[in-house]
């Protein structure tokens, strides 16, 4: 399943998991700290966050 399909499935199911934001089209970017993040969304909690791709930890504060 690609990121867009995963996003649409999570939306329909109100999934309590973090999925790639912007309809599944968001791309990873490097912050000034040198860490790489991707913008994610949780449909059940209606919250956005940034996933650190190296540690697999979602943080709520904008790392940029």
PDB file of N, CA and C in Angstrom:
ATOM      1  N   UNK A   1       0.852  -1.163   0.000  1.00  0.00           N
ATOM      2  CA  UNK A   1       0.000   0.000   0.000  1.00  0.00           C
ATOM      3  C   UNK A   1       0.907   1.238   0.000  1.00  0.00           C
ATOM      4  N   UNK A   2       0.624   2.177  -0.901  1.00  0.00           N
ATOM      5  CA  UNK A   2       1.440   3.388  -0.943  1.00  0.00           C
ATOM      6  C   UNK A   2       0.902   4.412   0.057  1.00  0.00           C
ATOM      7  N   UNK A   3       1.610   5.502   0.237  1.00  0.00           N
ATOM      8  CA  UNK A   3       1.272   6.505   1.255  1.00  0.00           C
ATOM      9  C   UNK A   3      -0.087   7.149   1.012  1.00  0.00           C
ATOM     10  N   UNK A   4      -0.464   7.369  -0.235  1.00  0.00           N
ATOM     11  CA  UNK A   4      -1.762   7.987  -0.532  1.00  0.00           C
ATOM     12  C   UNK A   4      -2.897   7.034  -0.178  1.00  0.00           C
ATOM     13  N   UNK A   5      -2.751   5.757  -0.506  1.00  0.00           N
ATOM     14  CA  UNK A   5      -3.765   4.763  -0.146  1.00  0.00           C
ATOM     15  C   UNK A   5      -3.870   4.626   1.368  1.00  0.00           C
ATOM     16  N   UNK A   6      -2.725   4.636   2.046  1.00  0.00           N
ATOM     17  CA  UNK A   6      -2.720   4.535   3.509  1.00  0.00           C
ATOM     18  C   UNK A   6      -3.422   5.742   4.136  1.00  0.00           C
ATOM     19  N   UNK A   7      -3.162   6.927   3.610  1.00  0.00           N
ATOM     20  CA  UNK A   7      -3.809   8.143   4.103  1.00  0.00           C
ATOM     21  C   UNK A   7      -5.329   8.045   3.935  1.00  0.00           C
ATOM     22  N   UNK A   8      -5.792   7.668   2.747  1.00  0.00           N
ATOM     23  CA  UNK A   8      -7.227   7.568   2.482  1.00  0.00           C
ATOM     24  C   UNK A   8      -7.893   6.510   3.356  1.00  0.00           C
ATOM     25  N   UNK A   9      -7.242   5.392   3.553  1.00  0.00           N
ATOM     26  CA  UNK A   9      -7.786   4.337   4.415  1.00  0.00           C
ATOM     27  C   UNK A   9      -7.887   4.815   5.860  1.00  0.00           C
ATOM     28  N   UNK A  10      -6.852   5.495   6.351  1.00  0.00           N
ATOM     29  CA  UNK A  10      -6.869   6.019   7.725  1.00  0.00           C
ATOM     30  C   UNK A  10      -7.972   7.053   7.895  1.00  0.00           C
ATOM     31  N   UNK A  11      -8.192   7.879   6.878  1.00  0.00           N
ATOM     32  CA  UNK A  11      -9.235   8.911   6.921  1.00  0.00           C
ATOM     33  C   UNK A  11     -10.607   8.269   7.044  1.00  0.00           C
ATOM     34  N   UNK A  12     -10.879   7.278   6.236  1.00  0.00           N
ATOM     35  CA  UNK A  12     -12.182   6.618   6.242  1.00  0.00           C
ATOM     36  C   UNK A  12     -12.420   5.880   7.562  1.00  0.00           C
ATOM     37  N   UNK A  13     -11.384   5.264   8.099  1.00  0.00           N
ATOM     38  CA  UNK A  13     -11.524   4.446   9.308  1.00  0.00           C
ATOM     39  C   UNK A  13     -11.321   5.246  10.598  1.00  0.00           C
ATOM     40  N   UNK A  14     -11.017   6.544  10.487  1.00  0.00           N
ATOM     41  CA  UNK A  14     -10.643   7.358  11.662  1.00  0.00           C
ATOM     42  C   UNK A  14      -9.580   6.640  12.474  1.00  0.00           C
ATOM     43  N   UNK A  15      -8.558   6.224  11.787  1.00  0.00           N
ATOM     44  CA  UNK A  15      -7.482   5.441  12.374  1.00  0.00           C
ATOM     45  C   UNK A  15      -6.729   6.213  13.455  1.00  0.00           C
ATOM     46  N   UNK A  16      -6.320   5.482  14.501  1.00  0.00           N
ATOM     47  CA  UNK A  16      -5.525   6.084  15.569  1.00  0.00           C
ATOM     48  C   UNK A  16      -4.044   5.811  15.309  1.00  0.00           C
ATOM     49  N   UNK A  17      -3.614   6.099  14.099  1.00  0.00           N
ATOM     50  CA  UNK A  17      -2.206   5.942  13.752  1.00  0.00           C
ATOM     51  C   UNK A  17      -1.754   7.190  13.006  1.00  0.00           C
ATOM     52  N   UNK A  18      -0.464   7.414  13.006  1.00  0.00           N
ATOM     53  CA  UNK A  18       0.091   8.571  12.305  1.00  0.00           C
ATOM     54  C   UNK A  18       0.300   8.200  10.852  1.00  0.00           C
ATOM     55  N   UNK A  19      -0.213   9.032   9.953  1.00  0.00           N
ATOM     56  CA  UNK A  19      -0.031   8.817   8.523  1.00  0.00           C
ATOM     57  C   UNK A  19       0.598  10.062   7.918  1.00  0.00           C
ATOM     58  N   UNK A  20       1.258   9.883   6.806  1.00  0.00           N
ATOM     59  CA  UNK A  20       1.891  10.997   6.117  1.00  0.00           C
ATOM     60  C   UNK A  20       0.820  12.022   5.746  1.00  0.00           C
ATOM     61  N   UNK A  21       1.043  13.273   6.090  1.00  0.00           N
ATOM     62  CA  UNK A  21       0.067  14.339   5.898  1.00  0.00           C
ATOM     63  C   UNK A  21      -0.035  14.765   4.438  1.00  0.00           C
ATOM     64  N   UNK A  22      -0.884  15.728   4.201  1.00  0.00           N
ATOM     65  CA  UNK A  22      -1.100  16.305   2.871  1.00  0.00           C
ATOM     66  C   UNK A  22      -1.571  15.255   1.869  1.00  0.00           C
ATOM     67  N   UNK A  23      -2.487  14.411   2.317  1.00  0.00           N
ATOM     68  CA  UNK A  23      -3.022  13.386   1.430  1.00  0.00           C
ATOM     69  C   UNK A  23      -2.033  12.291   1.104  1.00  0.00           C
ATOM     70  N   UNK A  24      -0.980  12.163   1.912  1.00  0.00           N
ATOM     71  CA  UNK A  24       0.042  11.145   1.668  1.00  0.00           C
ATOM     72  C   UNK A  24       1.154  11.611   0.755  1.00  0.00           C
ATOM     73  N   UNK A  25       1.176  12.914   0.445  1.00  0.00           N
ATOM     74  CA  UNK A  25       2.169  13.423  -0.507  1.00  0.00           C
ATOM     75  C   UNK A  25       3.305  14.195   0.150  1.00  0.00           C
ATOM     76  N   UNK A  26       3.260  14.366   1.466  1.00  0.00           N
ATOM     77  CA  UNK A  26       4.320  15.097   2.170  1.00  0.00           C
ATOM     78  C   UNK A  26       5.654  14.374   1.973  1.00  0.00           C
ATOM     79  N   UNK A  27       6.748  15.129   1.888  1.00  0.00           N
ATOM     80  CA  UNK A  27       8.065  14.523   1.705  1.00  0.00           C
ATOM     81  C   UNK A  27       8.966  14.873   2.890  1.00  0.00           C
ATOM     82  N   UNK A  28       9.900  13.989   3.236  1.00  0.00           N
ATOM     83  CA  UNK A  28      10.809  14.262   4.344  1.00  0.00           C
ATOM     84  C   UNK A  28      11.722  15.447   4.036  1.00  0.00           C
ATOM     85  N   UNK A  29      12.018  16.245   5.060  1.00  0.00           N
ATOM     86  CA  UNK A  29      12.953  17.364   4.910  1.00  0.00           C
ATOM     87  C   UNK A  29      13.864  17.436   6.125  1.00  0.00           C
ATOM     88  N   UNK A  30      15.021  18.022   5.928  1.00  0.00           N
ATOM     89  CA  UNK A  30      15.987  18.188   7.022  1.00  0.00           C
ATOM     90  C   UNK A  30      15.744  19.495   7.757  1.00  0.00           C
ATOM     91  N   UNK A  31      15.769  19.415   9.077  1.00  0.00           N
ATOM     92  CA  UNK A  31      15.655  20.606   9.918  1.00  0.00           C
ATOM     93  C   UNK A  31      17.056  21.187  10.128  1.00  0.00           C
ATOM     94  N   UNK A  32      17.109  22.368  10.715  1.00  0.00           N
ATOM     95  CA  UNK A  32      18.419  22.993  10.995  1.00  0.00           C
ATOM     96  C   UNK A  32      19.285  22.132  11.895  1.00  0.00           C
ATOM     97  N   UNK A  33      18.645  21.304  12.715  1.00  0.00           N
ATOM     98  CA  UNK A  33      19.380  20.419  13.622  1.00  0.00           C
ATOM     99  C   UNK A  33      20.095  19.295  12.871  1.00  0.00           C
ATOM    100  N   UNK A  34      19.734  19.109  11.596  1.00  0.00           N
ATOM    101  CA  UNK A  34      20.316  18.031  10.806  1.00  0.00           C
ATOM    102  C   UNK A  34      19.456  16.778  10.801  1.00  0.00           C
ATOM    103  N   UNK A  35      18.406  16.741  11.621  1.00  0.00           N
ATOM    104  CA  UNK A  35      17.509  15.600  11.681  1.00  0.00           C
ATOM    105  C   UNK A  35      16.498  15.684  10.545  1.00  0.00           C
ATOM    106  N   UNK A  36      16.018  14.551  10.091  1.00  0.00           N
ATOM    107  CA  UNK A  36      15.055  14.504   9.001  1.00  0.00           C
ATOM    108  C   UNK A  36      13.666  14.211   9.575  1.00  0.00           C
ATOM    109  N   UNK A  37      12.693  15.035   9.176  1.00  0.00           N
ATOM    110  CA  UNK A  37      11.320  14.905   9.656  1.00  0.00           C
ATOM    111  C   UNK A  37      10.365  14.823   8.481  1.00  0.00           C
ATOM    112  N   UNK A  38       9.209  14.230   8.761  1.00  0.00           N
ATOM    113  CA  UNK A  38       8.108  14.236   7.802  1.00  0.00           C
ATOM    114  C   UNK A  38       6.843  14.619   8.568  1.00  0.00           C
ATOM    115  N   UNK A  39       6.041  15.460   7.954  1.00  0.00           N
ATOM    116  CA  UNK A  39       4.810  15.966   8.556  1.00  0.00           C
ATOM    117  C   UNK A  39       3.755  14.866   8.529  1.00  0.00           C
ATOM    118  N   UNK A  40       3.138  14.595   9.686  1.00  0.00           N
ATOM    119  CA  UNK A  40       2.174  13.503   9.800  1.00  0.00           C
ATOM    120  C   UNK A  40       0.884  13.971  10.461  1.00  0.00           C
ATOM    121  N   UNK A  41      -0.161  13.142  10.345  1.00  0.00           N
ATOM    122  CA  UNK A  41      -1.472  13.485  10.887  1.00  0.00           C
ATOM    123  C   UNK A  41      -2.130  12.246  11.483  1.00  0.00           C
ATOM    124  N   UNK A  42      -2.895  12.453  12.578  1.00  0.00           N
ATOM    125  CA  UNK A  42      -3.644  11.382  13.219  1.00  0.00           C
ATOM    126  C   UNK A  42      -5.124  11.735  13.143  1.00  0.00           C
ATOM    127  N   UNK A  43      -5.902  10.971  12.396  1.00  0.00           N
ATOM    128  CA  UNK A  43      -7.320  11.276  12.189  1.00  0.00           C
ATOM    129  C   UNK A  43      -8.141  11.140  13.460  1.00  0.00           C
ATOM    130  N   UNK A  44      -7.851  10.160  14.294  1.00  0.00           N
ATOM    131  CA  UNK A  44      -8.657   9.942  15.499  1.00  0.00           C
ATOM    132  C   UNK A  44      -8.499  11.097  16.477  1.00  0.00           C
ATOM    133  N   UNK A  45      -7.261  11.561  16.674  1.00  0.00           N
ATOM    134  CA  UNK A  45      -7.029  12.644  17.636  1.00  0.00           C
ATOM    135  C   UNK A  45      -7.111  14.018  16.988  1.00  0.00           C
ATOM    136  N   UNK A  46      -7.150  14.064  15.659  1.00  0.00           N
ATOM    137  CA  UNK A  46      -7.176  15.318  14.898  1.00  0.00           C
ATOM    138  C   UNK A  46      -5.953  16.191  15.217  1.00  0.00           C
ATOM    139  N   UNK A  47      -4.789  15.539  15.326  1.00  0.00           N
ATOM    140  CA  UNK A  47      -3.545  16.248  15.639  1.00  0.00           C
ATOM    141  C   UNK A  47      -2.525  16.049  14.537  1.00  0.00           C
ATOM    142  N   UNK A  48      -1.700  17.072  14.369  1.00  0.00           N
ATOM    143  CA  UNK A  48      -0.590  17.043  13.429  1.00  0.00           C
ATOM    144  C   UNK A  48       0.703  16.930  14.231  1.00  0.00           C
ATOM    145  N   UNK A  49       1.721  16.378  13.618  1.00  0.00           N
ATOM    146  CA  UNK A  49       3.015  16.275  14.269  1.00  0.00           C
ATOM    147  C   UNK A  49       4.109  16.099  13.232  1.00  0.00           C
ATOM    148  N   UNK A  50       5.320  15.962  13.714  1.00  0.00           N
ATOM    149  CA  UNK A  50       6.475  15.760  12.856  1.00  0.00           C
ATOM    150  C   UNK A  50       7.166  14.477  13.294  1.00  0.00           C
ATOM    151  N   UNK A  51       7.289  13.551  12.369  1.00  0.00           N
ATOM    152  CA  UNK A  51       7.915  12.266  12.641  1.00  0.00           C
ATOM    153  C   UNK A  51       9.400  12.354  12.345  1.00  0.00           C
ATOM    154  N   UNK A  52      10.211  12.086  13.361  1.00  0.00           N
ATOM    155  CA  UNK A  52      11.663  11.997  13.182  1.00  0.00           C
ATOM    156  C   UNK A  52      11.920  10.649  12.527  1.00  0.00           C
ATOM    157  N   UNK A  53      12.358  10.652  11.280  1.00  0.00           N
ATOM    158  CA  UNK A  53      12.480   9.394  10.539  1.00  0.00           C
ATOM    159  C   UNK A  53      13.593   8.495  11.063  1.00  0.00           C
ATOM    160  N   UNK A  54      14.562   9.050  11.801  1.00  0.00           N
ATOM    161  CA  UNK A  54      15.629   8.217  12.353  1.00  0.00           C
ATOM    162  C   UNK A  54      15.192   7.517  13.636  1.00  0.00           C
ATOM    163  N   UNK A  55      14.402   8.188  14.476  1.00  0.00           N
ATOM    164  CA  UNK A  55      14.013   7.612  15.771  1.00  0.00           C
ATOM    165  C   UNK A  55      12.595   7.049  15.772  1.00  0.00           C
ATOM    166  N   UNK A  56      11.796   7.377  14.752  1.00  0.00           N
ATOM    167  CA  UNK A  56      10.404   6.944  14.653  1.00  0.00           C
ATOM    168  C   UNK A  56       9.550   7.501  15.801  1.00  0.00           C
ATOM    169  N   UNK A  57       9.899   8.720  16.250  1.00  0.00           N
ATOM    170  CA  UNK A  57       9.166   9.394  17.320  1.00  0.00           C
ATOM    171  C   UNK A  57       8.481  10.627  16.737  1.00  0.00           C
ATOM    172  N   UNK A  58       7.184  10.760  17.063  1.00  0.00           N
ATOM    173  CA  UNK A  58       6.413  11.923  16.613  1.00  0.00           C
ATOM    174  C   UNK A  58       6.475  12.990  17.691  1.00  0.00           C
ATOM    175  N   UNK A  59       6.801  14.215  17.283  1.00  0.00           N
ATOM    176  CA  UNK A  59       6.791  15.340  18.215  1.00  0.00           C
ATOM    177  C   UNK A  59       5.769  16.361  17.748  1.00  0.00           C
ATOM    178  N   UNK A  60       5.194  17.073  18.713  1.00  0.00           N
ATOM    179  CA  UNK A  60       4.153  18.027  18.393  1.00  0.00           C
ATOM    180  C   UNK A  60       4.704  19.427  18.076  1.00  0.00           C
ATOM    181  N   UNK A  61       5.885  19.728  18.552  1.00  0.00           N
ATOM    182  CA  UNK A  61       6.482  21.044  18.299  1.00  0.00           C
ATOM    183  C   UNK A  61       7.176  21.046  16.950  1.00  0.00           C
ATOM    184  N   UNK A  62       6.961  22.112  16.203  1.00  0.00           N
ATOM    185  CA  UNK A  62       7.572  22.253  14.890  1.00  0.00           C
ATOM    186  C   UNK A  62       9.095  22.295  15.016  1.00  0.00           C
ATOM    187  N   UNK A  63       9.826  21.353  14.415  1.00  0.00           N
ATOM    188  CA  UNK A  63      11.282  21.321  14.533  1.00  0.00           C
ATOM    189  C   UNK A  63      11.990  22.320  13.636  1.00  0.00           C
ATOM    190  N   UNK A  64      11.240  23.040  12.808  1.00  0.00           N
ATOM    191  CA  UNK A  64      11.848  23.971  11.869  1.00  0.00           C
ATOM    192  C   UNK A  64      11.812  25.346  12.451  1.00  0.00           C
TER     193      UNK A  64
END
